[in-house]
Amino acid sequence: MSFRRRPGQRGLSLMDIVLMQLLLVMVCATPFVISWLNSMHVERSKGALIQASQHARALALRYADPTNGDAPTPSAPVAGIKLLPNAIVLVCRKDPSDSNCREGGSNVEWRADLSRGVGVAVTINQQNEVIFGFDHTGALLAQADFRISKGMEYEAGQLY
């Protein structure tokens, strides 16, 4: 089999044209695929953050039972969330600012890695590290606005 062109042959072969079109489609589709992947990572991280919030609310309601005769203090958190700078979320019993609400701490009930190794940036109230709590009724003690982004894709909202 010879790959030499015949003396009278000019132009491109059908195989050359097909390969050029395939290359053109791949080059044009790459930005859309990257955008779709970034959007998927942002949505997955948003879902995990909302799941952490719901888990903390459920903990607050579960541990709010004043069976020992003490009335719950409205301003004291019964459960809470701690967002670490590397986009790891910890859901803790009691006050999330105490020393047992840390990686491997005794008050940690649930843990999620929001970035999942894909470089998603997470901020709550425009901070990378934040702590917020839920009272005995399951309500947030302070407003929590979040922003999750990767590349040009982002999601913003409010936890409640």
C-alpha atoms as a PDB file:
ATOM      1  CA  MET A   1       0.000   0.000   0.000  1.00  0.00           C
ATOM      2  CA  SER A   2       1.481   3.305  -1.032  1.00  0.00           C
ATOM      3  CA  PHE A   3       0.691   6.685   0.515  1.00  0.00           C
ATOM      4  CA  ARG A   4       2.121   8.653  -2.341  1.00  0.00           C
ATOM      5  CA  ARG A   5      -0.198  10.778  -4.356  1.00  0.00           C
ATOM      6  CA  ARG A   6      -0.675  10.101  -7.964  1.00  0.00           C
ATOM      7  CA  PRO A   7       0.775  12.676 -10.319  1.00  0.00           C
ATOM      8  CA  GLY A   8      -2.627  14.077 -11.331  1.00  0.00           C
ATOM      9  CA  GLN A   9      -4.176  14.117  -7.816  1.00  0.00           C
ATOM     10  CA  ARG A  10      -4.781  17.495  -6.137  1.00  0.00           C
ATOM     11  CA  GLY A  11      -6.490  18.670  -2.947  1.00  0.00           C
ATOM     12  CA  LEU A  12      -7.369  16.854   0.211  1.00  0.00           C
ATOM     13  CA  SER A  13      -8.536  13.298   0.554  1.00  0.00           C
ATOM     14  CA  LEU A  14     -11.802  12.424   2.272  1.00  0.00           C
ATOM     15  CA  MET A  15      -9.844  11.175   5.277  1.00  0.00           C
ATOM     16  CA  ASP A  16      -8.029  14.541   5.580  1.00  0.00           C
ATOM     17  CA  ILE A  17     -11.341  16.393   5.585  1.00  0.00           C
ATOM     18  CA  VAL A  18     -12.926  14.103   8.195  1.00  0.00           C
ATOM     19  CA  LEU A  19      -9.929  14.425  10.514  1.00  0.00           C
ATOM     20  CA  MET A  20      -9.907  18.220  10.207  1.00  0.00           C
ATOM     21  CA  GLN A  21     -13.627  18.388  11.025  1.00  0.00           C
ATOM     22  CA  LEU A  22     -13.164  16.118  14.030  1.00  0.00           C
ATOM     23  CA  LEU A  23     -10.318  18.292  15.302  1.00  0.00           C
ATOM     24  CA  LEU A  24     -12.406  21.441  14.787  1.00  0.00           C
ATOM     25  CA  VAL A  25     -15.341  19.970  16.757  1.00  0.00           C
ATOM     26  CA  MET A  26     -13.031  18.979  19.615  1.00  0.00           C
ATOM     27  CA  VAL A  27     -11.464  22.458  19.793  1.00  0.00           C
ATOM     28  CA  CYS A  28     -14.845  24.199  19.720  1.00  0.00           C
ATOM     29  CA  ALA A  29     -16.476  21.888  22.292  1.00  0.00           C
ATOM     30  CA  THR A  30     -13.719  22.084  24.923  1.00  0.00           C
ATOM     31  CA  PRO A  31     -14.880  25.353  26.599  1.00  0.00           C
ATOM     32  CA  PHE A  32     -18.436  24.035  26.884  1.00  0.00           C
ATOM     33  CA  VAL A  33     -17.277  20.787  28.471  1.00  0.00           C
ATOM     34  CA  ILE A  34     -15.082  22.653  30.971  1.00  0.00           C
ATOM     35  CA  SER A  35     -17.957  24.984  31.867  1.00  0.00           C
ATOM     36  CA  TRP A  36     -20.307  22.031  32.326  1.00  0.00           C
ATOM     37  CA  LEU A  37     -17.814  20.224  34.585  1.00  0.00           C
ATOM     38  CA  ASN A  38     -17.266  23.360  36.705  1.00  0.00           C
ATOM     39  CA  SER A  39     -21.013  23.843  37.023  1.00  0.00           C
ATOM     40  CA  MET A  40     -21.433  20.219  38.091  1.00  0.00           C
ATOM     41  CA  HIS A  41     -18.764  20.585  40.817  1.00  0.00           C
ATOM     42  CA  VAL A  42     -20.386  23.797  42.100  1.00  0.00           C
ATOM     43  CA  GLU A  43     -23.834  22.191  42.250  1.00  0.00           C
ATOM     44  CA  ARG A  44     -22.481  19.137  44.069  1.00  0.00           C
ATOM     45  CA  SER A  45     -20.749  21.346  46.643  1.00  0.00           C
ATOM     46  CA  LYS A  46     -23.896  23.443  47.119  1.00  0.00           C
ATOM     47  CA  GLY A  47     -25.885  20.288  47.786  1.00  0.00           C
ATOM     48  CA  ALA A  48     -23.367  19.148  50.400  1.00  0.00           C
ATOM     49  CA  LEU A  49     -23.461  22.564  52.122  1.00  0.00           C
ATOM     50  CA  ILE A  50     -27.257  22.527  52.270  1.00  0.00           C
ATOM     51  CA  GLN A  51     -27.141  18.947  53.556  1.00  0.00           C
ATOM     52  CA  ALA A  52     -24.735  20.067  56.311  1.00  0.00           C
ATOM     53  CA  SER A  53     -27.127  22.865  57.259  1.00  0.00           C
ATOM     54  CA  GLN A  54     -30.071  20.470  57.469  1.00  0.00           C
ATOM     55  CA  HIS A  55     -28.012  17.998  59.493  1.00  0.00           C
ATOM     56  CA  ALA A  56     -27.009  20.737  61.958  1.00  0.00           C
ATOM     57  CA  ARG A  57     -30.635  21.860  62.263  1.00  0.00           C
ATOM     58  CA  ALA A  58     -31.714  18.290  63.023  1.00  0.00           C
ATOM     59  CA  LEU A  59     -28.974  18.002  65.663  1.00  0.00           C
ATOM     60  CA  ALA A  60     -30.092  21.261  67.260  1.00  0.00           C
ATOM     61  CA  LEU A  61     -33.648  20.005  67.508  1.00  0.00           C
ATOM     62  CA  ARG A  62     -32.539  16.614  68.822  1.00  0.00           C
ATOM     63  CA  TYR A  63     -30.299  18.004  71.561  1.00  0.00           C
ATOM     64  CA  ALA A  64     -32.639  20.847  72.559  1.00  0.00           C
ATOM     65  CA  ASP A  65     -34.628  18.685  74.953  1.00  0.00           C
ATOM     66  CA  PRO A  66     -34.220  20.348  78.358  1.00  0.00           C
ATOM     67  CA  THR A  67     -34.736  17.142  80.367  1.00  0.00           C
ATOM     68  CA  ASN A  68     -32.317  18.296  83.038  1.00  0.00           C
ATOM     69  CA  GLY A  69     -34.691  21.111  84.053  1.00  0.00           C
ATOM     70  CA  ASP A  70     -32.663  23.933  82.521  1.00  0.00           C
ATOM     71  CA  ALA A  71     -34.406  26.188  80.063  1.00  0.00           C
ATOM     72  CA  PRO A  72     -32.436  26.501  76.825  1.00  0.00           C
ATOM     73  CA  THR A  73     -30.676  29.799  76.283  1.00  0.00           C
ATOM     74  CA  PRO A  74     -31.958  31.365  73.043  1.00  0.00           C
ATOM     75  CA  SER A  75     -28.611  32.891  72.102  1.00  0.00           C
ATOM     76  CA  ALA A  76     -26.489  29.796  72.788  1.00  0.00           C
ATOM     77  CA  PRO A  77     -25.954  27.389  69.895  1.00  0.00           C
ATOM     78  CA  VAL A  78     -27.125  23.832  70.461  1.00  0.00           C
ATOM     79  CA  ALA A  79     -25.447  22.636  67.248  1.00  0.00           C
ATOM     80  CA  GLY A  80     -23.569  24.318  64.472  1.00  0.00           C
ATOM     81  CA  ILE A  81     -21.392  24.301  61.413  1.00  0.00           C
ATOM     82  CA  LYS A  82     -17.724  25.095  61.111  1.00  0.00           C
ATOM     83  CA  LEU A  83     -16.364  25.819  57.637  1.00  0.00           C
ATOM     84  CA  LEU A  84     -12.614  25.274  57.492  1.00  0.00           C
ATOM     85  CA  PRO A  85     -10.406  27.197  55.022  1.00  0.00           C
ATOM     86  CA  ASN A  86      -9.909  24.127  52.811  1.00  0.00           C
ATOM     87  CA  ALA A  87     -13.693  23.877  52.130  1.00  0.00           C
ATOM     88  CA  ILE A  88     -14.299  21.167  54.713  1.00  0.00           C
ATOM     89  CA  VAL A  89     -17.549  21.477  56.647  1.00  0.00           C
ATOM     90  CA  LEU A  90     -17.943  20.065  60.122  1.00  0.00           C
ATOM     91  CA  VAL A  91     -21.331  19.691  61.790  1.00  0.00           C
ATOM     92  CA  CYS A  92     -20.942  19.682  65.561  1.00  0.00           C
ATOM     93  CA  ARG A  93     -23.042  19.148  68.654  1.00  0.00           C
ATOM     94  CA  LYS A  94     -23.071  22.024  71.122  1.00  0.00           C
ATOM     95  CA  ASP A  95     -21.141  25.197  70.385  1.00  0.00           C
ATOM     96  CA  PRO A  96     -19.197  24.896  67.087  1.00  0.00           C
ATOM     97  CA  SER A  97     -16.597  27.366  68.359  1.00  0.00           C
ATOM     98  CA  ASP A  98     -15.410  25.105  71.176  1.00  0.00           C
ATOM     99  CA  SER A  99     -12.185  23.098  70.918  1.00  0.00           C
ATOM    100  CA  ASN A 100     -13.959  19.765  70.354  1.00  0.00           C
ATOM    101  CA  CYS A 101     -15.404  20.957  67.040  1.00  0.00           C
ATOM    102  CA  ARG A 102     -12.330  20.267  64.916  1.00  0.00           C
ATOM    103  CA  GLU A 103     -11.088  17.501  62.627  1.00  0.00           C
ATOM    104  CA  GLY A 104     -11.287  14.360  64.759  1.00  0.00           C
ATOM    105  CA  GLY A 105     -12.956  16.193  67.652  1.00  0.00           C
ATOM    106  CA  SER A 106     -15.458  14.513  69.964  1.00  0.00           C
ATOM    107  CA  ASN A 107     -18.323  16.887  69.080  1.00  0.00           C
ATOM    108  CA  VAL A 108     -18.124  16.347  65.309  1.00  0.00           C
ATOM    109  CA  GLU A 109     -21.222  14.508  64.108  1.00  0.00           C
ATOM    110  CA  TRP A 110     -20.801  14.883  60.361  1.00  0.00           C
ATOM    111  CA  ARG A 111     -18.063  15.971  57.940  1.00  0.00           C
ATOM    112  CA  ALA A 112     -18.072  16.854  54.253  1.00  0.00           C
ATOM    113  CA  ASP A 113     -15.380  17.967  51.843  1.00  0.00           C
ATOM    114  CA  LEU A 114     -17.127  20.529  49.648  1.00  0.00           C
ATOM    115  CA  SER A 115     -14.319  20.855  47.140  1.00  0.00           C
ATOM    116  CA  ARG A 116     -13.852  17.080  46.776  1.00  0.00           C
ATOM    117  CA  GLY A 117     -10.377  17.688  45.415  1.00  0.00           C
ATOM    118  CA  VAL A 118     -11.581  19.733  42.444  1.00  0.00           C
ATOM    119  CA  GLY A 119     -10.710  23.224  43.631  1.00  0.00           C
ATOM    120  CA  VAL A 120     -14.133  24.639  44.462  1.00  0.00           C
ATOM    121  CA  ALA A 121     -13.939  27.867  46.506  1.00  0.00           C
ATOM    122  CA  VAL A 122     -16.506  28.225  49.291  1.00  0.00           C
ATOM    123  CA  THR A 123     -17.202  31.345  51.324  1.00  0.00           C
ATOM    124  CA  ILE A 124     -19.887  32.053  53.891  1.00  0.00           C
ATOM    125  CA  ASN A 125     -20.478  35.697  54.778  1.00  0.00           C
ATOM    126  CA  GLN A 126     -17.486  36.455  52.529  1.00  0.00           C
ATOM    127  CA  GLN A 127     -15.087  34.479  54.743  1.00  0.00           C
ATOM    128  CA  ASN A 128     -13.200  31.239  54.097  1.00  0.00           C
ATOM    129  CA  GLU A 129     -13.387  30.147  57.735  1.00  0.00           C
ATOM    130  CA  VAL A 130     -16.646  30.689  59.521  1.00  0.00           C
ATOM    131  CA  ILE A 131     -18.623  29.296  62.435  1.00  0.00           C
ATOM    132  CA  PHE A 132     -22.372  29.611  62.847  1.00  0.00           C
ATOM    133  CA  GLY A 133     -24.835  27.937  65.126  1.00  0.00           C
ATOM    134  CA  PHE A 134     -28.440  26.841  65.442  1.00  0.00           C
ATOM    135  CA  ASP A 135     -30.548  27.505  68.528  1.00  0.00           C
ATOM    136  CA  HIS A 136     -32.862  25.056  70.320  1.00  0.00           C
ATOM    137  CA  THR A 137     -35.655  25.731  67.789  1.00  0.00           C
ATOM    138  CA  GLY A 138     -33.446  24.846  64.828  1.00  0.00           C
ATOM    139  CA  ALA A 139     -33.117  28.450  63.668  1.00  0.00           C
ATOM    140  CA  LEU A 140     -29.823  30.013  62.624  1.00  0.00           C
ATOM    141  CA  LEU A 141     -28.413  32.450  65.166  1.00  0.00           C
ATOM    142  CA  ALA A 142     -27.016  34.715  62.430  1.00  0.00           C
ATOM    143  CA  GLN A 143     -27.540  35.183  58.719  1.00  0.00           C
ATOM    144  CA  ALA A 144     -25.356  32.962  56.524  1.00  0.00           C
ATOM    145  CA  ASP A 145     -24.870  33.976  52.876  1.00  0.00           C
ATOM    146  CA  PHE A 146     -22.797  31.555  50.831  1.00  0.00           C
ATOM    147  CA  ARG A 147     -20.939  31.688  47.529  1.00  0.00           C
ATOM    148  CA  ILE A 148     -19.474  28.615  45.855  1.00  0.00           C
ATOM    149  CA  SER A 149     -17.394  29.074  42.724  1.00  0.00           C
ATOM    150  CA  LYS A 150     -15.087  27.328  40.304  1.00  0.00           C
ATOM    151  CA  GLY A 151     -13.808  29.024  37.188  1.00  0.00           C
ATOM    152  CA  MET A 152     -16.536  31.289  35.839  1.00  0.00           C
ATOM    153  CA  GLU A 153     -19.321  29.189  37.375  1.00  0.00           C
ATOM    154  CA  TYR A 154     -20.770  30.096  40.775  1.00  0.00           C
ATOM    155  CA  GLU A 155     -23.797  29.670  43.011  1.00  0.00           C
ATOM    156  CA  ALA A 156     -24.819  32.116  45.690  1.00  0.00           C
ATOM    157  CA  GLY A 157     -27.593  31.910  48.236  1.00  0.00           C
ATOM    158  CA  GLN A 158     -28.540  32.022  51.852  1.00  0.00           C
ATOM    159  CA  LEU A 159     -28.684  29.241  54.409  1.00  0.00           C
ATOM    160  CA  TYR A 160     -31.718  29.260  56.653  1.00  0.00           C
END
